[in-house]
C-alpha atoms as a PDB file:
ATOM      1  CA  MET A   1     -46.388  -8.298 -21.126  1.00  0.00           C
ATOM      2  CA  ASP A   2     -44.101  -6.212 -19.028  1.00  0.00           C
ATOM      3  CA  LYS A   3     -40.980  -8.155 -19.859  1.00  0.00           C
ATOM      4  CA  LEU A   4     -38.531  -6.372 -17.359  1.00  0.00           C
ATOM      5  CA  ARG A   5     -40.919  -7.350 -14.500  1.00  0.00           C
ATOM      6  CA  ALA A   6     -41.176 -10.831 -15.914  1.00  0.00           C
ATOM      7  CA  LEU A   7     -37.282 -11.178 -16.011  1.00  0.00           C
ATOM      8  CA  GLN A   8     -36.984  -9.846 -12.404  1.00  0.00           C
ATOM      9  CA  TYR A   9     -39.475 -12.389 -11.411  1.00  0.00           C
ATOM     10  CA  PHE A  10     -37.810 -15.162 -13.157  1.00  0.00           C
ATOM     11  CA  ALA A  11     -34.311 -14.233 -11.779  1.00  0.00           C
ATOM     12  CA  HIS A  12     -35.697 -14.206  -8.332  1.00  0.00           C
ATOM     13  CA  LEU A  13     -37.394 -17.531  -8.842  1.00  0.00           C
ATOM     14  CA  ALA A  14     -34.116 -19.090 -10.073  1.00  0.00           C
ATOM     15  CA  GLU A  15     -32.451 -18.048  -6.786  1.00  0.00           C
ATOM     16  CA  SER A  16     -35.227 -18.769  -4.432  1.00  0.00           C
ATOM     17  CA  GLY A  17     -36.910 -21.778  -6.067  1.00  0.00           C
ATOM     18  CA  SER A  18     -40.256 -20.509  -4.653  1.00  0.00           C
ATOM     19  CA  PHE A  19     -43.186 -18.700  -6.179  1.00  0.00           C
ATOM     20  CA  THR A  20     -44.368 -17.681  -2.609  1.00  0.00           C
ATOM     21  CA  ASN A  21     -40.979 -16.190  -1.695  1.00  0.00           C
ATOM     22  CA  THR A  22     -40.765 -14.343  -5.180  1.00  0.00           C
ATOM     23  CA  ALA A  23     -44.333 -13.002  -4.737  1.00  0.00           C
ATOM     24  CA  ASN A  24     -43.513 -11.907  -1.146  1.00  0.00           C
ATOM     25  CA  ALA A  25     -40.285 -10.179  -2.358  1.00  0.00           C
ATOM     26  CA  PHE A  26     -42.236  -8.142  -4.897  1.00  0.00           C
ATOM     27  CA  ASN A  27     -45.396  -7.748  -2.780  1.00  0.00           C
ATOM     28  CA  VAL A  28     -47.691  -9.313  -5.447  1.00  0.00           C
ATOM     29  CA  PRO A  29     -49.926 -12.425  -5.366  1.00  0.00           C
ATOM     30  CA  PRO A  30     -48.270 -15.752  -6.387  1.00  0.00           C
ATOM     31  CA  SER A  31     -50.643 -15.930  -9.239  1.00  0.00           C
ATOM     32  CA  SER A  32     -49.182 -12.814 -10.747  1.00  0.00           C
ATOM     33  CA  VAL A  33     -45.680 -14.266 -10.695  1.00  0.00           C
ATOM     34  CA  SER A  34     -47.020 -17.535 -12.189  1.00  0.00           C
ATOM     35  CA  ARG A  35     -48.733 -15.607 -15.016  1.00  0.00           C
ATOM     36  CA  ARG A  36     -45.783 -13.505 -15.776  1.00  0.00           C
ATOM     37  CA  ILE A  37     -43.409 -16.375 -16.029  1.00  0.00           C
ATOM     38  CA  ALA A  38     -45.944 -18.294 -18.227  1.00  0.00           C
ATOM     39  CA  ASP A  39     -46.160 -15.372 -20.566  1.00  0.00           C
ATOM     40  CA  LEU A  40     -42.361 -15.222 -20.717  1.00  0.00           C
ATOM     41  CA  GLU A  41     -42.118 -18.893 -21.561  1.00  0.00           C
ATOM     42  CA  ALA A  42     -44.797 -18.483 -24.270  1.00  0.00           C
ATOM     43  CA  MET A  43     -42.836 -15.581 -25.791  1.00  0.00           C
ATOM     44  CA  LEU A  44     -39.603 -17.501 -25.809  1.00  0.00           C
ATOM     45  CA  LYS A  45     -41.186 -20.689 -26.873  1.00  0.00           C
ATOM     46  CA  GLN A  46     -39.183 -22.541 -24.346  1.00  0.00           C
ATOM     47  CA  GLN A  47     -39.896 -24.120 -20.857  1.00  0.00           C
ATOM     48  CA  LEU A  48     -37.795 -22.293 -18.295  1.00  0.00           C
ATOM     49  CA  LEU A  49     -38.806 -24.121 -15.079  1.00  0.00           C
ATOM     50  CA  HIS A  50     -39.633 -27.510 -13.798  1.00  0.00           C
ATOM     51  CA  ARG A  51     -42.621 -27.041 -11.514  1.00  0.00           C
ATOM     52  CA  SER A  52     -43.678 -29.460  -8.724  1.00  0.00           C
ATOM     53  CA  THR A  53     -45.728 -29.164  -5.581  1.00  0.00           C
ATOM     54  CA  ARG A  54     -42.493 -29.044  -3.460  1.00  0.00           C
ATOM     55  CA  GLN A  55     -40.019 -27.043  -5.542  1.00  0.00           C
ATOM     56  CA  VAL A  56     -39.233 -25.136  -8.669  1.00  0.00           C
ATOM     57  CA  LYS A  57     -36.041 -25.858 -10.613  1.00  0.00           C
ATOM     58  CA  LEU A  58     -34.644 -24.464 -13.781  1.00  0.00           C
ATOM     59  CA  THR A  59     -34.586 -26.375 -16.975  1.00  0.00           C
ATOM     60  CA  GLU A  60     -31.156 -26.615 -18.803  1.00  0.00           C
ATOM     61  CA  LEU A  61     -32.209 -23.845 -21.103  1.00  0.00           C
ATOM     62  CA  GLY A  62     -33.748 -21.896 -18.202  1.00  0.00           C
ATOM     63  CA  ASP A  63     -30.382 -21.997 -16.389  1.00  0.00           C
ATOM     64  CA  LEU A  64     -28.519 -20.674 -19.635  1.00  0.00           C
ATOM     65  CA  TYR A  65     -31.089 -17.966 -20.042  1.00  0.00           C
ATOM     66  CA  TYR A  66     -30.760 -17.013 -16.225  1.00  0.00           C
ATOM     67  CA  GLN A  67     -26.990 -16.725 -16.712  1.00  0.00           C
ATOM     68  CA  GLN A  68     -27.232 -14.605 -19.687  1.00  0.00           C
ATOM     69  CA  ILE A  69     -29.867 -12.178 -18.278  1.00  0.00           C
ATOM     70  CA  LEU A  70     -28.434 -11.665 -14.764  1.00  0.00           C
ATOM     71  CA  PRO A  71     -25.664  -9.294 -15.796  1.00  0.00           C
ATOM     72  CA  ALA A  72     -28.111  -7.013 -17.526  1.00  0.00           C
ATOM     73  CA  LEU A  73     -30.523  -6.984 -14.475  1.00  0.00           C
ATOM     74  CA  HIS A  74     -27.710  -6.149 -12.255  1.00  0.00           C
ATOM     75  CA  SER A  75     -26.541  -3.273 -14.565  1.00  0.00           C
ATOM     76  CA  LEU A  76     -30.043  -1.869 -14.311  1.00  0.00           C
ATOM     77  CA  ASN A  77     -29.997  -1.933 -10.738  1.00  0.00           C
ATOM     78  CA  ASP A  78     -26.589  -0.359 -10.655  1.00  0.00           C
ATOM     79  CA  ALA A  79     -27.909   2.499 -12.924  1.00  0.00           C
ATOM     80  CA  GLU A  80     -30.989   3.064 -10.565  1.00  0.00           C
ATOM     81  CA  ASP A  81     -28.737   3.184  -7.468  1.00  0.00           C
ATOM     82  CA  LEU A  82     -26.441   5.699  -9.370  1.00  0.00           C
ATOM     83  CA  LEU A  83     -29.321   7.955  -9.999  1.00  0.00           C
ATOM     84  CA  LYS A  84     -30.811   7.610  -6.623  1.00  0.00           C
ATOM     85  CA  GLN A  85     -27.733   8.172  -4.779  1.00  0.00           C
ATOM     86  CA  GLN A  86     -25.953  10.754  -6.968  1.00  0.00           C
ATOM     87  CA  GLN A  87     -27.191  13.620  -4.680  1.00  0.00           C
ATOM     88  CA  GLN A  88     -27.187  11.564  -1.369  1.00  0.00           C
ATOM     89  CA  HIS A  89     -24.624  10.842   1.203  1.00  0.00           C
ATOM     90  CA  PRO A  90     -23.196   7.307   1.179  1.00  0.00           C
ATOM     91  CA  SER A  91     -25.839   4.893   2.349  1.00  0.00           C
ATOM     92  CA  GLY A  92     -27.307   1.385   1.731  1.00  0.00           C
ATOM     93  CA  LEU A  93     -26.035  -2.159   1.440  1.00  0.00           C
ATOM     94  CA  LEU A  94     -22.353  -2.652   0.441  1.00  0.00           C
ATOM     95  CA  SER A  95     -21.231  -6.157  -0.478  1.00  0.00           C
ATOM     96  CA  ILE A  96     -17.583  -6.910  -0.190  1.00  0.00           C
ATOM     97  CA  SER A  97     -15.982 -10.226  -1.023  1.00  0.00           C
ATOM     98  CA  ALA A  98     -12.605 -11.136   0.276  1.00  0.00           C
ATOM     99  CA  MET A  99     -10.133 -14.100   0.718  1.00  0.00           C
ATOM    100  CA  PRO A 100     -10.930 -15.599   4.226  1.00  0.00           C
ATOM    101  CA  SER A 101      -7.473 -15.019   5.704  1.00  0.00           C
ATOM    102  CA  TYR A 102      -6.868 -11.576   4.170  1.00  0.00           C
ATOM    103  CA  GLY A 103     -10.423 -10.561   5.259  1.00  0.00           C
ATOM    104  CA  GLU A 104      -9.779 -11.835   8.742  1.00  0.00           C
ATOM    105  CA  LEU A 105      -6.314 -10.398   9.175  1.00  0.00           C
ATOM    106  CA  CYS A 106      -6.403  -7.195   7.015  1.00  0.00           C
ATOM    107  CA  LEU A 107      -9.817  -6.130   5.933  1.00  0.00           C
ATOM    108  CA  THR A 108     -11.894  -6.584   9.115  1.00  0.00           C
ATOM    109  CA  PRO A 109      -9.719  -4.659  11.517  1.00  0.00           C
ATOM    110  CA  ILE A 110     -10.084  -1.546   9.442  1.00  0.00           C
ATOM    111  CA  LEU A 111     -13.915  -1.810   9.010  1.00  0.00           C
ATOM    112  CA  SER A 112     -14.823  -0.607  12.411  1.00  0.00           C
ATOM    113  CA  GLU A 113     -13.504   2.876  11.639  1.00  0.00           C
ATOM    114  CA  PHE A 114     -15.249   2.816   8.223  1.00  0.00           C
ATOM    115  CA  SER A 115     -18.613   2.023   9.912  1.00  0.00           C
ATOM    116  CA  LEU A 116     -17.934   4.911  12.348  1.00  0.00           C
ATOM    117  CA  ARG A 117     -17.373   7.276   9.368  1.00  0.00           C
ATOM    118  CA  TYR A 118     -20.327   6.040   7.274  1.00  0.00           C
ATOM    119  CA  PRO A 119     -23.020   4.768   9.760  1.00  0.00           C
ATOM    120  CA  ASP A 120     -25.631   4.595   7.053  1.00  0.00           C
ATOM    121  CA  ILE A 121     -23.794   1.872   5.008  1.00  0.00           C
ATOM    122  CA  VAL A 122     -24.463  -1.597   5.901  1.00  0.00           C
ATOM    123  CA  LEU A 123     -21.682  -3.973   5.303  1.00  0.00           C
ATOM    124  CA  ASP A 124     -22.402  -7.320   3.736  1.00  0.00           C
ATOM    125  CA  LEU A 125     -19.229  -9.286   3.962  1.00  0.00           C
ATOM    126  CA  HIS A 126     -18.431 -12.494   2.080  1.00  0.00           C
ATOM    127  CA  PHE A 127     -15.192 -14.444   2.831  1.00  0.00           C
ATOM    128  CA  SER A 128     -14.264 -16.870  -0.107  1.00  0.00           C
ATOM    129  CA  ASP A 129     -11.460 -17.894  -2.215  1.00  0.00           C
ATOM    130  CA  GLN A 130     -13.726 -18.541  -5.154  1.00  0.00           C
ATOM    131  CA  LEU A 131     -13.200 -16.172  -8.154  1.00  0.00           C
ATOM    132  CA  THR A 132     -16.056 -13.646  -8.253  1.00  0.00           C
ATOM    133  CA  ASN A 133     -17.706 -12.471 -11.420  1.00  0.00           C
ATOM    134  CA  LEU A 134     -18.692  -8.896 -10.403  1.00  0.00           C
ATOM    135  CA  ARG A 135     -21.146  -8.639 -13.408  1.00  0.00           C
ATOM    136  CA  ARG A 136     -22.908 -11.753 -12.507  1.00  0.00           C
ATOM    137  CA  ASP A 137     -22.663 -11.750  -8.614  1.00  0.00           C
ATOM    138  CA  GLN A 138     -24.144  -9.131  -6.417  1.00  0.00           C
ATOM    139  CA  ILE A 139     -20.669  -7.945  -5.260  1.00  0.00           C
ATOM    140  CA  ASP A 140     -19.729  -4.315  -5.239  1.00  0.00           C
ATOM    141  CA  ILE A 141     -16.018  -4.867  -4.194  1.00  0.00           C
ATOM    142  CA  ALA A 142     -13.882  -7.960  -4.240  1.00  0.00           C
ATOM    143  CA  ILE A 143     -10.339  -8.489  -2.855  1.00  0.00           C
ATOM    144  CA  ARG A 144      -8.445 -11.255  -4.539  1.00  0.00           C
ATOM    145  CA  GLY A 145      -4.818 -12.537  -4.799  1.00  0.00           C
ATOM    146  CA  GLY A 146      -3.153 -13.602  -8.066  1.00  0.00           C
ATOM    147  CA  ASN A 147      -2.496 -11.790 -11.307  1.00  0.00           C
ATOM    148  CA  ALA A 148      -4.150  -8.585 -12.494  1.00  0.00           C
ATOM    149  CA  PRO A 149      -7.573  -9.472 -13.800  1.00  0.00           C
ATOM    150  CA  ASP A 150      -8.975  -8.622 -17.274  1.00  0.00           C
ATOM    151  CA  GLU A 151      -9.019  -4.977 -18.272  1.00  0.00           C
ATOM    152  CA  ARG A 152     -12.831  -4.693 -18.074  1.00  0.00           C
ATOM    153  CA  ILE A 153     -12.682  -4.463 -14.278  1.00  0.00           C
ATOM    154  CA  VAL A 154     -10.964  -1.777 -12.487  1.00  0.00           C
ATOM    155  CA  ALA A 155      -8.121  -3.254 -10.335  1.00  0.00           C
ATOM    156  CA  LYS A 156      -6.166  -1.396  -7.717  1.00  0.00           C
ATOM    157  CA  LYS A 157      -3.149  -3.280  -6.352  1.00  0.00           C
ATOM    158  CA  LEU A 158      -3.181  -3.258  -2.489  1.00  0.00           C
ATOM    159  CA  SER A 159       0.245  -4.915  -1.936  1.00  0.00           C
ATOM    160  CA  ASN A 160       2.502  -7.725  -3.415  1.00  0.00           C
ATOM    161  CA  ASN A 161       1.520 -11.295  -2.546  1.00  0.00           C
ATOM    162  CA  HIS A 162       4.957 -12.550  -1.648  1.00  0.00           C
ATOM    163  CA  PHE A 163       5.110 -16.121  -0.341  1.00  0.00           C
ATOM    164  CA  VAL A 164       7.880 -17.022   2.112  1.00  0.00           C
ATOM    165  CA  LEU A 165       9.096 -20.407   3.740  1.00  0.00           C
ATOM    166  CA  CYS A 166       8.570 -20.447   7.389  1.00  0.00           C
ATOM    167  CA  ALA A 167       8.499 -22.773  10.444  1.00  0.00           C
ATOM    168  CA  SER A 168       8.673 -22.491  14.296  1.00  0.00           C
ATOM    169  CA  PRO A 169      12.175 -22.051  15.764  1.00  0.00           C
ATOM    170  CA  GLU A 170      11.646 -25.299  17.640  1.00  0.00           C
ATOM    171  CA  TYR A 171      11.019 -27.328  14.391  1.00  0.00           C
ATOM    172  CA  LEU A 172      14.206 -25.907  12.785  1.00  0.00           C
ATOM    173  CA  ALA A 173      16.355 -26.410  15.878  1.00  0.00           C
ATOM    174  CA  ARG A 174      15.087 -30.106  16.112  1.00  0.00           C
ATOM    175  CA  ASN A 175      15.171 -30.860  12.320  1.00  0.00           C
ATOM    176  CA  GLY A 176      17.593 -28.622  10.859  1.00  0.00           C
ATOM    177  CA  GLN A 177      17.123 -25.697   8.266  1.00  0.00           C
ATOM    178  CA  PRO A 178      17.076 -26.657   4.705  1.00  0.00           C
ATOM    179  CA  GLN A 179      19.767 -25.079   2.638  1.00  0.00           C
ATOM    180  CA  HIS A 180      18.715 -25.980  -0.885  1.00  0.00           C
ATOM    181  CA  PRO A 181      15.196 -26.311  -2.535  1.00  0.00           C
ATOM    182  CA  LEU A 182      15.604 -30.072  -2.910  1.00  0.00           C
ATOM    183  CA  GLU A 183      16.204 -30.419   0.753  1.00  0.00           C
ATOM    184  CA  LEU A 184      12.660 -29.444   1.324  1.00  0.00           C
ATOM    185  CA  ASN A 185      11.614 -32.736  -0.022  1.00  0.00           C
ATOM    186  CA  GLN A 186      12.941 -34.306   3.279  1.00  0.00           C
ATOM    187  CA  HIS A 187      10.646 -32.188   5.471  1.00  0.00           C
ATOM    188  CA  PRO A 188       6.947 -32.406   6.068  1.00  0.00           C
ATOM    189  CA  SER A 189       4.891 -29.676   4.409  1.00  0.00           C
ATOM    190  CA  LEU A 190       1.847 -27.775   5.440  1.00  0.00           C
ATOM    191  CA  ARG A 191      -0.067 -26.937   2.185  1.00  0.00           C
ATOM    192  CA  TYR A 192      -2.717 -24.587   1.045  1.00  0.00           C
ATOM    193  CA  ARG A 193      -5.674 -25.669  -0.982  1.00  0.00           C
ATOM    194  CA  SER A 194      -7.128 -23.197  -3.455  1.00  0.00           C
ATOM    195  CA  PRO A 195     -10.688 -23.685  -4.967  1.00  0.00           C
ATOM    196  CA  GLU A 196      -8.918 -25.431  -7.850  1.00  0.00           C
ATOM    197  CA  LYS A 197      -6.164 -27.489  -6.379  1.00  0.00           C
ATOM    198  CA  VAL A 198      -3.365 -27.839  -3.596  1.00  0.00           C
ATOM    199  CA  LEU A 199      -0.965 -25.088  -4.490  1.00  0.00           C
ATOM    200  CA  PRO A 200       2.408 -26.498  -5.805  1.00  0.00           C
ATOM    201  CA  TRP A 201       5.878 -25.534  -4.449  1.00  0.00           C
ATOM    202  CA  LEU A 202       7.962 -24.516  -7.375  1.00  0.00           C
ATOM    203  CA  PHE A 203      11.661 -23.452  -7.897  1.00  0.00           C
ATOM    204  CA  LYS A 204      13.734 -22.631 -10.921  1.00  0.00           C
ATOM    205  CA  GLU A 205      16.384 -25.004 -12.130  1.00  0.00           C
ATOM    206  CA  GLN A 206      18.190 -24.386 -15.403  1.00  0.00           C
ATOM    207  CA  GLN A 207      15.784 -21.754 -16.352  1.00  0.00           C
ATOM    208  CA  LYS A 208      12.658 -24.035 -15.965  1.00  0.00           C
ATOM    209  CA  TRP A 209      10.181 -24.171 -13.138  1.00  0.00           C
ATOM    210  CA  GLN A 210      10.326 -27.449 -11.286  1.00  0.00           C
ATOM    211  CA  GLU A 211       7.834 -28.739  -8.688  1.00  0.00           C
ATOM    212  CA  LEU A 212       8.978 -29.963  -5.232  1.00  0.00           C
ATOM    213  CA  HIS A 213       7.270 -32.975  -3.692  1.00  0.00           C
ATOM    214  CA  PRO A 214       7.907 -32.918   0.113  1.00  0.00           C
ATOM    215  CA  PRO A 215       5.775 -35.214   2.245  1.00  0.00           C
ATOM    216  CA  ILE A 216       2.367 -33.507   3.158  1.00  0.00           C
ATOM    217  CA  ARG A 217       1.357 -33.359   6.744  1.00  0.00           C
ATOM    218  CA  LEU A 218      -1.646 -31.051   6.460  1.00  0.00           C
ATOM    219  CA  ILE A 219      -3.896 -29.524   3.669  1.00  0.00           C
ATOM    220  CA  SER A 220      -6.263 -26.736   4.439  1.00  0.00           C
ATOM    221  CA  ASN A 221      -7.978 -23.858   2.524  1.00  0.00           C
ATOM    222  CA  HIS A 222      -7.886 -21.863   5.870  1.00  0.00           C
ATOM    223  CA  GLY A 223      -4.660 -19.930   6.379  1.00  0.00           C
ATOM    224  CA  THR A 224      -4.944 -19.766  10.153  1.00  0.00           C
ATOM    225  CA  SER A 225      -4.943 -23.564  10.365  1.00  0.00           C
ATOM    226  CA  LEU A 226      -1.765 -23.687   8.420  1.00  0.00           C
ATOM    227  CA  VAL A 227      -0.207 -21.007  10.663  1.00  0.00           C
ATOM    228  CA  ASN A 228      -1.229 -22.746  13.822  1.00  0.00           C
ATOM    229  CA  ALA A 229       0.254 -26.000  12.639  1.00  0.00           C
ATOM    230  CA  ALA A 230       3.494 -24.325  11.626  1.00  0.00           C
ATOM    231  CA  LYS A 231       3.588 -22.677  15.112  1.00  0.00           C
ATOM    232  CA  SER A 232       3.124 -26.072  16.733  1.00  0.00           C
ATOM    233  CA  GLY A 233       6.232 -27.400  14.971  1.00  0.00           C
ATOM    234  CA  GLU A 234       4.294 -29.820  12.600  1.00  0.00           C
ATOM    235  CA  GLY A 235       6.223 -28.849   9.489  1.00  0.00           C
ATOM    236  CA  ILE A 236       7.290 -26.208   6.968  1.00  0.00           C
ATOM    237  CA  ALA A 237       4.824 -23.820   5.472  1.00  0.00           C
ATOM    238  CA  LEU A 238       4.796 -21.612   2.496  1.00  0.00           C
ATOM    239  CA  LEU A 239       2.609 -18.614   3.243  1.00  0.00           C
ATOM    240  CA  PRO A 240       1.873 -15.103   2.170  1.00  0.00           C
ATOM    241  CA  GLU A 241       4.095 -12.715   4.059  1.00  0.00           C
ATOM    242  CA  TRP A 242       1.126 -10.546   5.074  1.00  0.00           C
ATOM    243  CA  GLY A 243      -0.474 -13.532   6.696  1.00  0.00           C
ATOM    244  CA  ILE A 244       2.266 -14.174   9.231  1.00  0.00           C
ATOM    245  CA  SER A 245       3.502 -10.830  10.270  1.00  0.00           C
ATOM    246  CA  GLN A 246       2.177 -10.958  13.795  1.00  0.00           C
ATOM    247  CA  GLN A 247       3.905 -14.447  14.337  1.00  0.00           C
ATOM    248  CA  LEU A 248       7.178 -13.098  12.910  1.00  0.00           C
ATOM    249  CA  ALA A 249       7.011 -10.093  15.452  1.00  0.00           C
ATOM    250  CA  GLU A 250       6.308 -12.368  18.317  1.00  0.00           C
ATOM    251  CA  GLY A 251       8.934 -15.104  17.335  1.00  0.00           C
ATOM    252  CA  SER A 252       6.491 -17.955  17.020  1.00  0.00           C
ATOM    253  CA  LEU A 253       7.561 -18.335  13.403  1.00  0.00           C
ATOM    254  CA  VAL A 254      10.717 -17.551  11.465  1.00  0.00           C
ATOM    255  CA  VAL A 255      11.238 -16.965   7.778  1.00  0.00           C
ATOM    256  CA  PHE A 256      14.279 -18.754   6.182  1.00  0.00           C
ATOM    257  CA  SER A 257      15.782 -18.963   2.731  1.00  0.00           C
ATOM    258  CA  VAL A 258      16.948 -22.037   0.633  1.00  0.00           C
ATOM    259  CA  GLY A 259      18.949 -19.838  -1.814  1.00  0.00           C
ATOM    260  CA  GLN A 260      16.214 -18.969  -4.148  1.00  0.00           C
ATOM    261  CA  ASP A 261      12.523 -18.217  -4.215  1.00  0.00           C
ATOM    262  CA  ILE A 262      10.052 -20.957  -3.702  1.00  0.00           C
ATOM    263  CA  ARG A 263       6.649 -20.012  -5.406  1.00  0.00           C
ATOM    264  CA  VAL A 264       3.215 -21.238  -5.750  1.00  0.00           C
ATOM    265  CA  SER A 265       3.007 -19.891  -9.308  1.00  0.00           C
ATOM    266  CA  PRO A 266       5.627 -19.031 -12.001  1.00  0.00           C
ATOM    267  CA  ALA A 267       3.997 -15.609 -12.563  1.00  0.00           C
ATOM    268  CA  GLU A 268       6.089 -12.698 -11.863  1.00  0.00           C
ATOM    269  CA  ALA A 269       3.468 -10.034 -11.125  1.00  0.00           C
ATOM    270  CA  THR A 270       1.235 -11.371  -8.435  1.00  0.00           C
ATOM    271  CA  GLY A 271      -0.446  -9.252  -5.830  1.00  0.00           C
ATOM    272  CA  ILE A 272      -3.489  -8.546  -3.818  1.00  0.00           C
ATOM    273  CA  PHE A 273      -6.057  -6.590  -5.832  1.00  0.00           C
ATOM    274  CA  LEU A 274      -9.247  -4.655  -4.954  1.00  0.00           C
ATOM    275  CA  LEU A 275     -11.676  -5.110  -7.815  1.00  0.00           C
ATOM    276  CA  TYR A 276     -14.843  -3.197  -8.875  1.00  0.00           C
ATOM    277  CA  GLN A 277     -16.835  -2.166 -11.960  1.00  0.00           C
ATOM    278  CA  GLY A 278     -15.906   1.235 -13.233  1.00  0.00           C
ATOM    279  CA  LEU A 279     -19.518   2.523 -13.264  1.00  0.00           C
ATOM    280  CA  LYS A 280     -20.196   1.504  -9.691  1.00  0.00           C
ATOM    281  CA  TYR A 281     -17.372   4.007  -8.541  1.00  0.00           C
ATOM    282  CA  GLN A 282     -19.933   6.745  -9.309  1.00  0.00           C
ATOM    283  CA  ILE A 283     -22.279   5.373  -6.572  1.00  0.00           C
ATOM    284  CA  PRO A 284     -21.373   7.160  -3.236  1.00  0.00           C
ATOM    285  CA  LYS A 285     -21.302   4.094  -1.044  1.00  0.00           C
ATOM    286  CA  VAL A 286     -18.894   2.228  -3.458  1.00  0.00           C
ATOM    287  CA  LYS A 287     -16.560   5.251  -3.997  1.00  0.00           C
ATOM    288  CA  VAL A 288     -16.113   5.945  -0.336  1.00  0.00           C
ATOM    289  CA  ALA A 289     -15.470   2.231   0.374  1.00  0.00           C
ATOM    290  CA  VAL A 290     -12.861   2.032  -2.459  1.00  0.00           C
ATOM    291  CA  ASP A 291     -11.094   5.132  -1.441  1.00  0.00           C
ATOM    292  CA  PHE A 292     -10.973   4.046   2.271  1.00  0.00           C
ATOM    293  CA  ILE A 293      -9.743   0.525   1.558  1.00  0.00           C
ATOM    294  CA  VAL A 294      -7.124   1.570  -0.743  1.00  0.00           C
ATOM    295  CA  SER A 295      -5.856   4.315   1.675  1.00  0.00           C
ATOM    296  CA  GLN A 296      -5.764   1.850   4.663  1.00  0.00           C
ATOM    297  CA  LEU A 297      -4.340  -1.393   2.903  1.00  0.00           C
ATOM    298  CA  SER A 298      -2.120  -0.049   0.179  1.00  0.00           C
ATOM    299  CA  GLN A 299       0.954  -0.893   2.508  1.00  0.00           C
ATOM    300  CA  PRO A 300       3.809  -3.215   2.580  1.00  0.00           C
ATOM    301  CA  PRO A 301       2.462  -6.751   3.276  1.00  0.00           C
ATOM    302  CA  SER A 302       4.216  -6.708   6.719  1.00  0.00           C
ATOM    303  CA  GLU A 303       2.308  -3.774   7.728  1.00  0.00           C
ATOM    304  CA  CYS A 304      -1.186  -5.363   6.979  1.00  0.00           C
ATOM    305  CA  SER A 305      -1.784  -7.828   9.899  1.00  0.00           C
ATOM    306  CA  GLY A 306      -2.971  -6.435  13.203  1.00  0.00           C
ATOM    307  CA  LYS A 307      -4.284  -3.120  11.985  1.00  0.00           C
END
């Protein structure tokens, strides 16, 4: 049995749920795919798939097996890409995953120039706040906010990720500006929802981080929705500085202080990081993209929006 080909068929089946789609992807008859999968199950002495006339689903053990083999298959593909492209100019499909607001405000505006420089690179953009496993997911480059990731991934810091309190001038004129962290509890808040939870508002009191509990007017996982609500005078928002630079410049939002930092995390060293696997940097399309994005976006946060 050609085990590698069987594993490739199995991985595609796990993602597509179709013998026909998998057969078409590899340009072979469906019977060939079915035979290889049967041989793989016989070798492992385990059932990997639930088969029916309508669909194909992984068994519980099949799902565990899929999760384990996927990084190895991606590494093999990366090695092939590296050899194929080592002597070539940058080309091919380049997958980039970024946080939605950062992707919209900071990344997308610079990609037109990138595409002009490298017309043979096809950009595949994914906007998501979900954490990305670069070994498991087919992502070449990820841009995420937070703390520096584990040391097995190369992380280049693009900027700080400093959160600031902001509101419209009209809101503050009508309701007054809070002067102390606890006064925020008297104002409606516009809150960001991460993939895990609604981000807290924290302040330090007697050397301990305490959570504020202002009434919530709006919750959203889309930064633009919170910015628009703040501009409309619906309440106070705690947003990353890079996300509101245009509104600050035009005067539709103002930043104010309550005497100390209000944070969404106690962590000191937070930032926006560009992430990639070290081996992939040797692939021309990844190398030029990493270098370009770092050169364009390693700026103070206030210079990000509107590029």
